[in-house]
Protein backbone atom coordinates (compact mmCIF):
# COMPACT_ATOMS: atom_id res chain seq x y z
CA UNK A 1 0.00 0.02 -0.03
CA UNK A 2 1.24 3.46 -0.89
CA UNK A 3 1.52 5.83 2.11
CA UNK A 4 0.58 8.75 -0.12
CA UNK A 5 -2.94 7.33 -0.15
CA UNK A 6 -3.42 8.89 3.38
CA UNK A 7 -2.28 12.40 2.72
CA UNK A 8 -2.91 12.91 -1.03
CA UNK A 9 -5.47 10.39 -2.24
CA UNK A 10 -6.33 12.46 -5.34
CA UNK A 11 -2.86 11.94 -6.77
CA UNK A 12 -2.99 8.20 -6.12
CA UNK A 13 -6.37 7.95 -7.97
CA UNK A 14 -5.03 9.97 -10.90
CA UNK A 15 -1.90 7.83 -11.17
CA UNK A 16 -4.05 4.64 -11.07
CA UNK A 17 -6.36 5.95 -13.79
CA UNK A 18 -3.46 7.46 -15.82
CA UNK A 19 -5.07 10.93 -16.07
CA UNK A 20 -2.97 13.94 -17.15
CA UNK A 21 -3.19 17.73 -17.63
CA UNK A 22 -6.24 19.73 -16.55
CA UNK A 23 -8.42 16.64 -15.94
CA UNK A 24 -5.81 15.57 -13.43
CA UNK A 25 -6.12 18.85 -11.46
CA UNK A 26 -9.92 18.71 -11.46
CA UNK A 27 -10.08 15.10 -10.30
CA UNK A 28 -7.42 15.63 -7.62
CA UNK A 29 -9.36 18.57 -6.20
CA UNK A 30 -12.64 16.67 -6.19
CA UNK A 31 -11.13 13.52 -4.58
CA UNK A 32 -9.13 15.46 -1.97
CA UNK A 33 -12.10 17.67 -0.99
CA UNK A 34 -14.32 14.66 -0.65
CA UNK A 35 -11.75 12.79 1.41
CA UNK A 36 -10.87 15.65 3.71
CA UNK A 37 -14.48 16.75 3.93
CA UNK A 38 -15.56 13.40 5.15
CA UNK A 39 -12.73 13.34 7.63
CA UNK A 40 -13.61 16.80 8.99
CA UNK A 41 -17.29 15.92 9.34
CA UNK A 42 -16.38 12.70 11.15
CA UNK A 43 -14.19 14.56 13.56
CA UNK A 44 -16.83 17.22 14.12
CA UNK A 45 -19.38 14.50 14.80
CA UNK A 46 -17.10 12.87 17.39
CA UNK A 47 -16.41 16.19 18.95
CA UNK A 48 -20.02 17.16 19.32
CA UNK A 49 -21.12 13.73 20.47
CA UNK A 50 -18.59 13.40 23.30
CA UNK A 51 -18.44 17.07 24.50
CA UNK A 52 -21.10 18.39 26.84
CA UNK A 53 -22.48 21.70 25.78
């Protein structure tokens, strides 16, 4: 397994699909935003669930 999958999954997907040029940039942005967005929402969910407000 490539360690880059954890910090830059968009690049790994583009390399796997052999995508180049502008399409590569767009796909990397989409995949990275999706990945880090899910991670941020998961952390926010854990934070609000276990903190007493």
